[in-house]
Amino acid sequence: AFANNFVSKATNVTSAGGTTILTGGSARTQNLTGVLTQTFRLPNATTLTLGAQFQFNNNSTDNLLIHDSASTLLATVGPGAYVFVRTEDVSTAAGSWEQARAMVRAYNTAGEGR
């Protein structure tokens, strides 16, 4: 299936120093705020389609950690950074995930993104 100008769902998460477990039905975009490290565990890849992706926007003051469903660390996303991951292989629960490099947003003195 194809879609033009697709707008995905987003979930806002306040870091609590815990783990947010994602499922195939979770919002594509995860926005993190707060002051503690938060871990996100990706879904069992066998429940997803090839090319399924999740986006992580770290607006917190600490790290956002991304793990596969087997709890293997895939990425550490620093404060003010953004990363997305996409399934490359869905034949096992952990799957294989491609990731884009985290991109740190620059802020001017007024606190506005540029």
PDB file of N, CA and C in Angstrom:
ATOM      1  N   ALA A   1       0.839  -1.179   0.000  1.00  0.00           N
ATOM      2  CA  ALA A   1       0.000   0.000   0.000  1.00  0.00           C
ATOM      3  C   ALA A   1       0.879   1.235   0.000  1.00  0.00           C
ATOM      4  N   PHE A   2       0.410   2.259  -0.674  1.00  0.00           N
ATOM      5  CA  PHE A   2       1.156   3.506  -0.782  1.00  0.00           C
ATOM      6  C   PHE A   2       0.285   4.664  -0.335  1.00  0.00           C
ATOM      7  N   ALA A   3       0.917   5.706   0.176  1.00  0.00           N
ATOM      8  CA  ALA A   3       0.180   6.896   0.592  1.00  0.00           C
ATOM      9  C   ALA A   3       1.003   8.119   0.246  1.00  0.00           C
ATOM     10  N   ASN A   4       0.333   9.169  -0.156  1.00  0.00           N
ATOM     11  CA  ASN A   4       0.992  10.442  -0.411  1.00  0.00           C
ATOM     12  C   ASN A   4       0.764  11.358   0.782  1.00  0.00           C
ATOM     13  N   ASN A   5       1.775  12.174   1.098  1.00  0.00           N
ATOM     14  CA  ASN A   5       1.665  13.140   2.191  1.00  0.00           C
ATOM     15  C   ASN A   5       1.196  12.482   3.483  1.00  0.00           C
ATOM     16  N   PHE A   6       1.761  11.334   3.785  1.00  0.00           N
ATOM     17  CA  PHE A   6       1.375  10.563   4.963  1.00  0.00           C
ATOM     18  C   PHE A   6       1.778  11.282   6.241  1.00  0.00           C
ATOM     19  N   VAL A   7       0.848  11.457   7.143  1.00  0.00           N
ATOM     20  CA  VAL A   7       1.120  12.033   8.460  1.00  0.00           C
ATOM     21  C   VAL A   7       0.969  10.910   9.483  1.00  0.00           C
ATOM     22  N   SER A   8       2.041  10.585  10.172  1.00  0.00           N
ATOM     23  CA  SER A   8       1.998   9.480  11.127  1.00  0.00           C
ATOM     24  C   SER A   8       1.566   9.953  12.507  1.00  0.00           C
ATOM     25  N   LYS A   9       1.200   8.977  13.333  1.00  0.00           N
ATOM     26  CA  LYS A   9       0.838   9.273  14.718  1.00  0.00           C
ATOM     27  C   LYS A   9       2.104   9.593  15.512  1.00  0.00           C
ATOM     28  N   ALA A  10       1.926  10.354  16.582  1.00  0.00           N
ATOM     29  CA  ALA A  10       3.035  10.661  17.476  1.00  0.00           C
ATOM     30  C   ALA A  10       2.584  10.452  18.914  1.00  0.00           C
ATOM     31  N   THR A  11       3.513  10.008  19.737  1.00  0.00           N
ATOM     32  CA  THR A  11       3.263   9.841  21.161  1.00  0.00           C
ATOM     33  C   THR A  11       4.282  10.673  21.921  1.00  0.00           C
ATOM     34  N   ASN A  12       3.815  11.398  22.930  1.00  0.00           N
ATOM     35  CA  ASN A  12       4.701  12.166  23.796  1.00  0.00           C
ATOM     36  C   ASN A  12       4.968  11.362  25.051  1.00  0.00           C
ATOM     37  N   VAL A  13       6.247  11.185  25.366  1.00  0.00           N
ATOM     38  CA  VAL A  13       6.666  10.405  26.529  1.00  0.00           C
ATOM     39  C   VAL A  13       7.507  11.302  27.427  1.00  0.00           C
ATOM     40  N   THR A  14       7.186  11.326  28.718  1.00  0.00           N
ATOM     41  CA  THR A  14       8.020  12.030  29.690  1.00  0.00           C
ATOM     42  C   THR A  14       8.964  11.014  30.304  1.00  0.00           C
ATOM     43  N   SER A  15      10.264  11.296  30.218  1.00  0.00           N
ATOM     44  CA  SER A  15      11.245  10.329  30.708  1.00  0.00           C
ATOM     45  C   SER A  15      11.042  10.069  32.191  1.00  0.00           C
ATOM     46  N   ALA A  16      11.107   8.786  32.541  1.00  0.00           N
ATOM     47  CA  ALA A  16      10.915   8.380  33.927  1.00  0.00           C
ATOM     48  C   ALA A  16      12.034   7.447  34.383  1.00  0.00           C
ATOM     49  N   GLY A  17      13.071   7.334  33.562  1.00  0.00           N
ATOM     50  CA  GLY A  17      14.164   6.436  33.898  1.00  0.00           C
ATOM     51  C   GLY A  17      13.790   4.983  33.683  1.00  0.00           C
ATOM     52  N   GLY A  18      12.756   4.732  32.891  1.00  0.00           N
ATOM     53  CA  GLY A  18      12.277   3.374  32.671  1.00  0.00           C
ATOM     54  C   GLY A  18      12.356   2.953  31.217  1.00  0.00           C
ATOM     55  N   THR A  19      11.488   2.011  30.865  1.00  0.00           N
ATOM     56  CA  THR A  19      11.467   1.457  29.515  1.00  0.00           C
ATOM     57  C   THR A  19      10.076   1.592  28.928  1.00  0.00           C
ATOM     58  N   THR A  20      10.009   2.098  27.719  1.00  0.00           N
ATOM     59  CA  THR A  20       8.768   2.164  26.952  1.00  0.00           C
ATOM     60  C   THR A  20       8.824   1.035  25.928  1.00  0.00           C
ATOM     61  N   ILE A  21       7.876   0.101  26.028  1.00  0.00           N
ATOM     62  CA  ILE A  21       7.860  -1.048  25.127  1.00  0.00           C
ATOM     63  C   ILE A  21       6.907  -0.759  23.976  1.00  0.00           C
ATOM     64  N   LEU A  22       7.451  -0.756  22.765  1.00  0.00           N
ATOM     65  CA  LEU A  22       6.657  -0.472  21.579  1.00  0.00           C
ATOM     66  C   LEU A  22       6.082  -1.750  20.995  1.00  0.00           C
ATOM     67  N   THR A  23       4.951  -1.624  20.325  1.00  0.00           N
ATOM     68  CA  THR A  23       4.322  -2.733  19.615  1.00  0.00           C
ATOM     69  C   THR A  23       4.109  -2.303  18.169  1.00  0.00           C
ATOM     70  N   GLY A  24       3.628  -3.221  17.357  1.00  0.00           N
ATOM     71  CA  GLY A  24       3.326  -2.885  15.972  1.00  0.00           C
ATOM     72  C   GLY A  24       2.279  -1.794  15.859  1.00  0.00           C
ATOM     73  N   GLY A  25       1.468  -1.610  16.884  1.00  0.00           N
ATOM     74  CA  GLY A  25       0.431  -0.594  16.871  1.00  0.00           C
ATOM     75  C   GLY A  25       0.858   0.731  17.490  1.00  0.00           C
ATOM     76  N   SER A  26       2.111   0.818  17.939  1.00  0.00           N
ATOM     77  CA  SER A  26       2.596   2.055  18.549  1.00  0.00           C
ATOM     78  C   SER A  26       2.732   3.157  17.505  1.00  0.00           C
ATOM     79  N   ALA A  27       2.645   4.390  17.972  1.00  0.00           N
ATOM     80  CA  ALA A  27       2.837   5.540  17.085  1.00  0.00           C
ATOM     81  C   ALA A  27       4.214   5.480  16.450  1.00  0.00           C
ATOM     82  N   ARG A  28       4.291   5.910  15.213  1.00  0.00           N
ATOM     83  CA  ARG A  28       5.556   5.900  14.479  1.00  0.00           C
ATOM     84  C   ARG A  28       6.570   6.859  15.109  1.00  0.00           C
ATOM     85  N   THR A  29       6.104   8.010  15.596  1.00  0.00           N
ATOM     86  CA  THR A  29       6.995   9.017  16.164  1.00  0.00           C
ATOM     87  C   THR A  29       6.870   9.027  17.682  1.00  0.00           C
ATOM     88  N   GLN A  30       8.002   8.960  18.359  1.00  0.00           N
ATOM     89  CA  GLN A  30       8.076   9.002  19.809  1.00  0.00           C
ATOM     90  C   GLN A  30       8.827  10.273  20.198  1.00  0.00           C
ATOM     91  N   ASN A  31       8.142  11.197  20.862  1.00  0.00           N
ATOM     92  CA  ASN A  31       8.738  12.454  21.312  1.00  0.00           C
ATOM     93  C   ASN A  31       9.033  12.361  22.801  1.00  0.00           C
ATOM     94  N   LEU A  32      10.290  12.532  23.174  1.00  0.00           N
ATOM     95  CA  LEU A  32      10.693  12.394  24.575  1.00  0.00           C
ATOM     96  C   LEU A  32      10.998  13.757  25.187  1.00  0.00           C
ATOM     97  N   THR A  33      10.454  13.998  26.390  1.00  0.00           N
ATOM     98  CA  THR A  33      10.789  15.181  27.177  1.00  0.00           C
ATOM     99  C   THR A  33      11.163  14.709  28.576  1.00  0.00           C
ATOM    100  N   GLY A  34      11.723  15.592  29.381  1.00  0.00           N
ATOM    101  CA  GLY A  34      12.057  15.240  30.759  1.00  0.00           C
ATOM    102  C   GLY A  34      13.541  15.348  31.032  1.00  0.00           C
ATOM    103  N   VAL A  35      13.970  14.766  32.161  1.00  0.00           N
ATOM    104  CA  VAL A  35      15.351  14.940  32.618  1.00  0.00           C
ATOM    105  C   VAL A  35      16.089  13.624  32.879  1.00  0.00           C
ATOM    106  N   LEU A  36      15.461  12.481  32.651  1.00  0.00           N
ATOM    107  CA  LEU A  36      16.090  11.187  32.913  1.00  0.00           C
ATOM    108  C   LEU A  36      16.297  10.401  31.624  1.00  0.00           C
ATOM    109  N   THR A  37      17.224   9.450  31.647  1.00  0.00           N
ATOM    110  CA  THR A  37      17.417   8.548  30.511  1.00  0.00           C
ATOM    111  C   THR A  37      16.174   7.683  30.355  1.00  0.00           C
ATOM    112  N   GLN A  38      15.729   7.471  29.131  1.00  0.00           N
ATOM    113  CA  GLN A  38      14.575   6.622  28.850  1.00  0.00           C
ATOM    114  C   GLN A  38      14.972   5.606  27.787  1.00  0.00           C
ATOM    115  N   THR A  39      14.555   4.366  27.982  1.00  0.00           N
ATOM    116  CA  THR A  39      14.814   3.296  27.023  1.00  0.00           C
ATOM    117  C   THR A  39      13.541   3.001  26.247  1.00  0.00           C
ATOM    118  N   PHE A  40      13.680   2.806  24.955  1.00  0.00           N
ATOM    119  CA  PHE A  40      12.580   2.367  24.102  1.00  0.00           C
ATOM    120  C   PHE A  40      12.947   1.006  23.541  1.00  0.00           C
ATOM    121  N   ARG A  41      12.056   0.027  23.741  1.00  0.00           N
ATOM    122  CA  ARG A  41      12.283  -1.310  23.200  1.00  0.00           C
ATOM    123  C   ARG A  41      11.394  -1.481  21.974  1.00  0.00           C
ATOM    124  N   LEU A  42      12.039  -1.781  20.849  1.00  0.00           N
ATOM    125  CA  LEU A  42      11.313  -1.951  19.590  1.00  0.00           C
ATOM    126  C   LEU A  42      10.469  -3.219  19.619  1.00  0.00           C
ATOM    127  N   PRO A  43       9.443  -3.283  18.774  1.00  0.00           N
ATOM    128  CA  PRO A  43       8.570  -4.461  18.755  1.00  0.00           C
ATOM    129  C   PRO A  43       9.265  -5.703  18.221  1.00  0.00           C
ATOM    130  N   ASN A  44       8.652  -6.836  18.492  1.00  0.00           N
ATOM    131  CA  ASN A  44       9.061  -8.096  17.882  1.00  0.00           C
ATOM    132  C   ASN A  44       8.982  -7.882  16.369  1.00  0.00           C
ATOM    133  N   ALA A  45      10.105  -8.002  15.692  1.00  0.00           N
ATOM    134  CA  ALA A  45      10.157  -7.682  14.259  1.00  0.00           C
ATOM    135  C   ALA A  45       9.278  -8.593  13.409  1.00  0.00           C
ATOM    136  N   THR A  46       9.005  -9.806  13.877  1.00  0.00           N
ATOM    137  CA  THR A  46       8.172 -10.718  13.074  1.00  0.00           C
ATOM    138  C   THR A  46       6.725 -10.236  12.998  1.00  0.00           C
ATOM    139  N   THR A  47       6.360  -9.272  13.846  1.00  0.00           N
ATOM    140  CA  THR A  47       4.998  -8.721  13.811  1.00  0.00           C
ATOM    141  C   THR A  47       4.901  -7.491  12.906  1.00  0.00           C
ATOM    142  N   LEU A  48       6.022  -7.108  12.288  1.00  0.00           N
ATOM    143  CA  LEU A  48       6.081  -5.907  11.463  1.00  0.00           C
ATOM    144  C   LEU A  48       6.288  -6.265   9.994  1.00  0.00           C
ATOM    145  N   THR A  49       6.063  -5.296   9.140  1.00  0.00           N
ATOM    146  CA  THR A  49       6.357  -5.479   7.718  1.00  0.00           C
ATOM    147  C   THR A  49       7.757  -4.949   7.439  1.00  0.00           C
ATOM    148  N   LEU A  50       8.360  -5.461   6.396  1.00  0.00           N
ATOM    149  CA  LEU A  50       9.666  -4.990   5.971  1.00  0.00           C
ATOM    150  C   LEU A  50       9.572  -3.501   5.649  1.00  0.00           C
ATOM    151  N   GLY A  51      10.473  -2.706   6.193  1.00  0.00           N
ATOM    152  CA  GLY A  51      10.468  -1.264   5.967  1.00  0.00           C
ATOM    153  C   GLY A  51       9.700  -0.474   7.012  1.00  0.00           C
ATOM    154  N   ALA A  52       9.081  -1.155   7.985  1.00  0.00           N
ATOM    155  CA  ALA A  52       8.385  -0.439   9.066  1.00  0.00           C
ATOM    156  C   ALA A  52       9.395   0.425   9.797  1.00  0.00           C
ATOM    157  N   GLN A  53       8.977   1.615  10.193  1.00  0.00           N
ATOM    158  CA  GLN A  53       9.930   2.491  10.865  1.00  0.00           C
ATOM    159  C   GLN A  53       9.344   3.214  12.068  1.00  0.00           C
ATOM    160  N   PHE A  54      10.264   3.591  12.942  1.00  0.00           N
ATOM    161  CA  PHE A  54       9.944   4.383  14.115  1.00  0.00           C
ATOM    162  C   PHE A  54      10.908   5.559  14.153  1.00  0.00           C
ATOM    163  N   GLN A  55      10.399   6.695  14.606  1.00  0.00           N
ATOM    164  CA  GLN A  55      11.200   7.913  14.696  1.00  0.00           C
ATOM    165  C   GLN A  55      11.247   8.342  16.157  1.00  0.00           C
ATOM    166  N   PHE A  56      12.420   8.805  16.575  1.00  0.00           N
ATOM    167  CA  PHE A  56      12.625   9.197  17.965  1.00  0.00           C
ATOM    168  C   PHE A  56      13.174  10.617  18.007  1.00  0.00           C
ATOM    169  N   ASN A  57      12.478  11.477  18.734  1.00  0.00           N
ATOM    170  CA  ASN A  57      12.842  12.876  18.861  1.00  0.00           C
ATOM    171  C   ASN A  57      13.157  13.137  20.330  1.00  0.00           C
ATOM    172  N   ASN A  58      14.428  13.333  20.643  1.00  0.00           N
ATOM    173  CA  ASN A  58      14.843  13.483  22.039  1.00  0.00           C
ATOM    174  C   ASN A  58      14.882  14.949  22.441  1.00  0.00           C
ATOM    175  N   ASN A  59      13.800  15.412  23.038  1.00  0.00           N
ATOM    176  CA  ASN A  59      13.731  16.771  23.567  1.00  0.00           C
ATOM    177  C   ASN A  59      14.005  16.801  25.068  1.00  0.00           C
ATOM    178  N   SER A  60      14.570  15.711  25.601  1.00  0.00           N
ATOM    179  CA  SER A  60      14.886  15.660  27.033  1.00  0.00           C
ATOM    180  C   SER A  60      16.303  16.174  27.253  1.00  0.00           C
ATOM    181  N   THR A  61      16.719  16.203  28.516  1.00  0.00           N
ATOM    182  CA  THR A  61      18.071  16.653  28.840  1.00  0.00           C
ATOM    183  C   THR A  61      19.019  15.484  29.080  1.00  0.00           C
ATOM    184  N   ASP A  62      18.549  14.247  28.838  1.00  0.00           N
ATOM    185  CA  ASP A  62      19.387  13.064  29.011  1.00  0.00           C
ATOM    186  C   ASP A  62      19.246  12.182  27.771  1.00  0.00           C
ATOM    187  N   ASN A  63      19.878  11.022  27.783  1.00  0.00           N
ATOM    188  CA  ASN A  63      19.882  10.150  26.615  1.00  0.00           C
ATOM    189  C   ASN A  63      18.584   9.373  26.426  1.00  0.00           C
ATOM    190  N   LEU A  64      18.321   9.049  25.194  1.00  0.00           N
ATOM    191  CA  LEU A  64      17.244   8.159  24.786  1.00  0.00           C
ATOM    192  C   LEU A  64      17.938   6.926  24.215  1.00  0.00           C
ATOM    193  N   LEU A  65      17.623   5.752  24.746  1.00  0.00           N
ATOM    194  CA  LEU A  65      18.252   4.508  24.301  1.00  0.00           C
ATOM    195  C   LEU A  65      17.254   3.698  23.491  1.00  0.00           C
ATOM    196  N   ILE A  66      17.691   3.142  22.373  1.00  0.00           N
ATOM    197  CA  ILE A  66      16.838   2.308  21.529  1.00  0.00           C
ATOM    198  C   ILE A  66      17.394   0.893  21.537  1.00  0.00           C
ATOM    199  N   HIS A  67      16.551  -0.063  21.942  1.00  0.00           N
ATOM    200  CA  HIS A  67      16.916  -1.475  21.982  1.00  0.00           C
ATOM    201  C   HIS A  67      16.010  -2.261  21.051  1.00  0.00           C
ATOM    202  N   ASP A  68      16.524  -3.359  20.499  1.00  0.00           N
ATOM    203  CA  ASP A  68      15.643  -4.258  19.750  1.00  0.00           C
ATOM    204  C   ASP A  68      14.844  -5.094  20.751  1.00  0.00           C
ATOM    205  N   SER A  69      13.995  -5.981  20.260  1.00  0.00           N
ATOM    206  CA  SER A  69      13.128  -6.742  21.165  1.00  0.00           C
ATOM    207  C   SER A  69      13.895  -7.749  22.024  1.00  0.00           C
ATOM    208  N   ALA A  70      15.160  -8.012  21.667  1.00  0.00           N
ATOM    209  CA  ALA A  70      16.005  -8.905  22.462  1.00  0.00           C
ATOM    210  C   ALA A  70      16.850  -8.110  23.466  1.00  0.00           C
ATOM    211  N   SER A  71      16.554  -6.808  23.608  1.00  0.00           N
ATOM    212  CA  SER A  71      17.235  -5.902  24.540  1.00  0.00           C
ATOM    213  C   SER A  71      18.665  -5.556  24.146  1.00  0.00           C
ATOM    214  N   THR A  72      19.013  -5.729  22.869  1.00  0.00           N
ATOM    215  CA  THR A  72      20.323  -5.323  22.376  1.00  0.00           C
ATOM    216  C   THR A  72      20.282  -3.833  22.052  1.00  0.00           C
ATOM    217  N   LEU A  73      21.247  -3.075  22.584  1.00  0.00           N
ATOM    218  CA  LEU A  73      21.298  -1.640  22.331  1.00  0.00           C
ATOM    219  C   LEU A  73      21.612  -1.381  20.863  1.00  0.00           C
ATOM    220  N   LEU A  74      20.740  -0.622  20.195  1.00  0.00           N
ATOM    221  CA  LEU A  74      20.939  -0.263  18.790  1.00  0.00           C
ATOM    222  C   LEU A  74      21.434   1.166  18.636  1.00  0.00           C
ATOM    223  N   ALA A  75      20.980   2.069  19.497  1.00  0.00           N
ATOM    224  CA  ALA A  75      21.359   3.474  19.349  1.00  0.00           C
ATOM    225  C   ALA A  75      21.225   4.213  20.669  1.00  0.00           C
ATOM    226  N   THR A  76      22.112   5.172  20.857  1.00  0.00           N
ATOM    227  CA  THR A  76      22.004   6.137  21.944  1.00  0.00           C
ATOM    228  C   THR A  76      21.777   7.489  21.293  1.00  0.00           C
ATOM    229  N   VAL A  77      20.657   8.107  21.633  1.00  0.00           N
ATOM    230  CA  VAL A  77      20.270   9.378  21.037  1.00  0.00           C
ATOM    231  C   VAL A  77      20.436  10.460  22.091  1.00  0.00           C
ATOM    232  N   GLY A  78      21.362  11.360  21.873  1.00  0.00           N
ATOM    233  CA  GLY A  78      21.647  12.401  22.838  1.00  0.00           C
ATOM    234  C   GLY A  78      20.561  13.468  22.887  1.00  0.00           C
ATOM    235  N   PRO A  79      20.612  14.330  23.903  1.00  0.00           N
ATOM    236  CA  PRO A  79      19.640  15.414  24.025  1.00  0.00           C
ATOM    237  C   PRO A  79      19.630  16.291  22.771  1.00  0.00           C
ATOM    238  N   GLY A  80      18.440  16.652  22.323  1.00  0.00           N
ATOM    239  CA  GLY A  80      18.298  17.513  21.164  1.00  0.00           C
ATOM    240  C   GLY A  80      18.502  16.822  19.840  1.00  0.00           C
ATOM    241  N   ALA A  81      18.548  15.496  19.830  1.00  0.00           N
ATOM    242  CA  ALA A  81      18.811  14.756  18.595  1.00  0.00           C
ATOM    243  C   ALA A  81      17.580  13.975  18.140  1.00  0.00           C
ATOM    244  N   TYR A  82      17.649  13.527  16.905  1.00  0.00           N
ATOM    245  CA  TYR A  82      16.545  12.817  16.260  1.00  0.00           C
ATOM    246  C   TYR A  82      17.141  11.648  15.481  1.00  0.00           C
ATOM    247  N   VAL A  83      16.466  10.509  15.509  1.00  0.00           N
ATOM    248  CA  VAL A  83      16.932   9.364  14.739  1.00  0.00           C
ATOM    249  C   VAL A  83      15.724   8.547  14.307  1.00  0.00           C
ATOM    250  N   PHE A  84      15.849   7.841  13.189  1.00  0.00           N
ATOM    251  CA  PHE A  84      14.794   6.905  12.843  1.00  0.00           C
ATOM    252  C   PHE A  84      15.411   5.551  12.544  1.00  0.00           C
ATOM    253  N   VAL A  85      14.641   4.513  12.809  1.00  0.00           N
ATOM    254  CA  VAL A  85      15.067   3.142  12.528  1.00  0.00           C
ATOM    255  C   VAL A  85      14.020   2.494  11.633  1.00  0.00           C
ATOM    256  N   ARG A  86      14.492   1.592  10.768  1.00  0.00           N
ATOM    257  CA  ARG A  86      13.607   0.921   9.814  1.00  0.00           C
ATOM    258  C   ARG A  86      14.001  -0.543   9.724  1.00  0.00           C
ATOM    259  N   THR A  87      13.005  -1.431   9.655  1.00  0.00           N
ATOM    260  CA  THR A  87      13.299  -2.854   9.569  1.00  0.00           C
ATOM    261  C   THR A  87      13.939  -3.194   8.226  1.00  0.00           C
ATOM    262  N   GLU A  88      15.017  -4.000   8.301  1.00  0.00           N
ATOM    263  CA  GLU A  88      15.676  -4.531   7.104  1.00  0.00           C
ATOM    264  C   GLU A  88      15.422  -6.030   6.977  1.00  0.00           C
ATOM    265  N   ASP A  89      15.144  -6.677   8.109  1.00  0.00           N
ATOM    266  CA  ASP A  89      14.879  -8.112   8.136  1.00  0.00           C
ATOM    267  C   ASP A  89      13.882  -8.380   9.255  1.00  0.00           C
ATOM    268  N   VAL A  90      12.796  -9.072   8.937  1.00  0.00           N
ATOM    269  CA  VAL A  90      11.759  -9.350   9.932  1.00  0.00           C
ATOM    270  C   VAL A  90      11.582 -10.854  10.159  1.00  0.00           C
ATOM    271  N   SER A  91      12.619 -11.631   9.867  1.00  0.00           N
ATOM    272  CA  SER A  91      12.510 -13.087   9.981  1.00  0.00           C
ATOM    273  C   SER A  91      12.759 -13.597  11.398  1.00  0.00           C
ATOM    274  N   THR A  92      13.302 -12.749  12.288  1.00  0.00           N
ATOM    275  CA  THR A  92      13.510 -13.120  13.688  1.00  0.00           C
ATOM    276  C   THR A  92      12.877 -12.061  14.581  1.00  0.00           C
ATOM    277  N   ALA A  93      12.674 -12.388  15.844  1.00  0.00           N
ATOM    278  CA  ALA A  93      12.060 -11.437  16.770  1.00  0.00           C
ATOM    279  C   ALA A  93      12.890 -10.157  16.905  1.00  0.00           C
ATOM    280  N   ALA A  94      14.210 -10.300  17.000  1.00  0.00           N
ATOM    281  CA  ALA A  94      15.070  -9.119  17.118  1.00  0.00           C
ATOM    282  C   ALA A  94      15.120  -8.345  15.811  1.00  0.00           C
ATOM    283  N   GLY A  95      15.018  -9.053  14.697  1.00  0.00           N
ATOM    284  CA  GLY A  95      15.067  -8.420  13.394  1.00  0.00           C
ATOM    285  C   GLY A  95      16.412  -7.779  13.122  1.00  0.00           C
ATOM    286  N   SER A  96      16.460  -7.060  12.032  1.00  0.00           N
ATOM    287  CA  SER A  96      17.619  -6.259  11.675  1.00  0.00           C
ATOM    288  C   SER A  96      17.086  -4.872  11.359  1.00  0.00           C
ATOM    289  N   TRP A  97      17.706  -3.861  11.957  1.00  0.00           N
ATOM    290  CA  TRP A  97      17.206  -2.490  11.859  1.00  0.00           C
ATOM    291  C   TRP A  97      18.268  -1.586  11.259  1.00  0.00           C
ATOM    292  N   GLU A  98      17.876  -0.837  10.246  1.00  0.00           N
ATOM    293  CA  GLU A  98      18.719   0.214   9.686  1.00  0.00           C
ATOM    294  C   GLU A  98      18.411   1.478  10.473  1.00  0.00           C
ATOM    295  N   GLN A  99      19.415   2.306  10.702  1.00  0.00           N
ATOM    296  CA  GLN A  99      19.149   3.552  11.415  1.00  0.00           C
ATOM    297  C   GLN A  99      19.827   4.720  10.729  1.00  0.00           C
ATOM    298  N   ALA A 100      19.167   5.856  10.779  1.00  0.00           N
ATOM    299  CA  ALA A 100      19.765   7.095  10.295  1.00  0.00           C
ATOM    300  C   ALA A 100      20.565   7.676  11.439  1.00  0.00           C
ATOM    301  N   ARG A 101      21.602   8.365  11.126  1.00  0.00           N
ATOM    302  CA  ARG A 101      22.406   9.015  12.162  1.00  0.00           C
ATOM    303  C   ARG A 101      21.587  10.077  12.873  1.00  0.00           C
ATOM    304  N   ALA A 102      21.832  10.223  14.145  1.00  0.00           N
ATOM    305  CA  ALA A 102      21.150  11.262  14.921  1.00  0.00           C
ATOM    306  C   ALA A 102      21.572  12.619  14.391  1.00  0.00           C
ATOM    307  N   MET A 103      20.614  13.496  14.280  1.00  0.00           N
ATOM    308  CA  MET A 103      20.873  14.846  13.798  1.00  0.00           C
ATOM    309  C   MET A 103      20.572  15.811  14.933  1.00  0.00           C
ATOM    310  N   VAL A 104      21.572  16.535  15.379  1.00  0.00           N
ATOM    311  CA  VAL A 104      21.380  17.478  16.478  1.00  0.00           C
ATOM    312  C   VAL A 104      20.867  18.786  15.906  1.00  0.00           C
ATOM    313  N   ARG A 105      19.770  19.264  16.481  1.00  0.00           N
ATOM    314  CA  ARG A 105      19.196  20.528  16.050  1.00  0.00           C
ATOM    315  C   ARG A 105      19.963  21.675  16.692  1.00  0.00           C
ATOM    316  N   ALA A 106      20.154  22.720  15.931  1.00  0.00           N
ATOM    317  CA  ALA A 106      20.806  23.921  16.475  1.00  0.00           C
ATOM    318  C   ALA A 106      19.750  24.876  16.987  1.00  0.00           C
ATOM    319  N   TYR A 107      20.033  25.571  18.058  1.00  0.00           N
ATOM    320  CA  TYR A 107      19.089  26.530  18.639  1.00  0.00           C
ATOM    321  C   TYR A 107      19.761  27.892  18.731  1.00  0.00           C
ATOM    322  N   ASN A 108      18.993  28.930  18.410  1.00  0.00           N
ATOM    323  CA  ASN A 108      19.535  30.275  18.600  1.00  0.00           C
ATOM    324  C   ASN A 108      19.275  30.709  20.034  1.00  0.00           C
ATOM    325  N   THR A 109      19.707  31.896  20.397  1.00  0.00           N
ATOM    326  CA  THR A 109      19.590  32.330  21.791  1.00  0.00           C
ATOM    327  C   THR A 109      18.154  32.531  22.235  1.00  0.00           C
ATOM    328  N   ALA A 110      17.222  32.677  21.283  1.00  0.00           N
ATOM    329  CA  ALA A 110      15.813  32.823  21.641  1.00  0.00           C
ATOM    330  C   ALA A 110      15.170  31.463  21.893  1.00  0.00           C
ATOM    331  N   GLY A 111      15.947  30.367  21.701  1.00  0.00           N
ATOM    332  CA  GLY A 111      15.422  29.024  21.946  1.00  0.00           C
ATOM    333  C   GLY A 111      14.599  28.488  20.797  1.00  0.00           C
ATOM    334  N   GLU A 112      14.661  29.104  19.644  1.00  0.00           N
ATOM    335  CA  GLU A 112      13.881  28.636  18.501  1.00  0.00           C
ATOM    336  C   GLU A 112      14.778  27.774  17.617  1.00  0.00           C
ATOM    337  N   GLY A 113      14.228  26.679  17.117  1.00  0.00           N
ATOM    338  CA  GLY A 113      14.982  25.827  16.205  1.00  0.00           C
ATOM    339  C   GLY A 113      15.299  26.574  14.925  1.00  0.00           C
ATOM    340  N   ARG A 114      16.434  26.277  14.334  1.00  0.00           N
ATOM    341  CA  ARG A 114      16.757  26.902  13.046  1.00  0.00           C
ATOM    342  C   ARG A 114      17.285  25.885  12.084  1.00  0.00           C
TER     343      ARG A 114
END
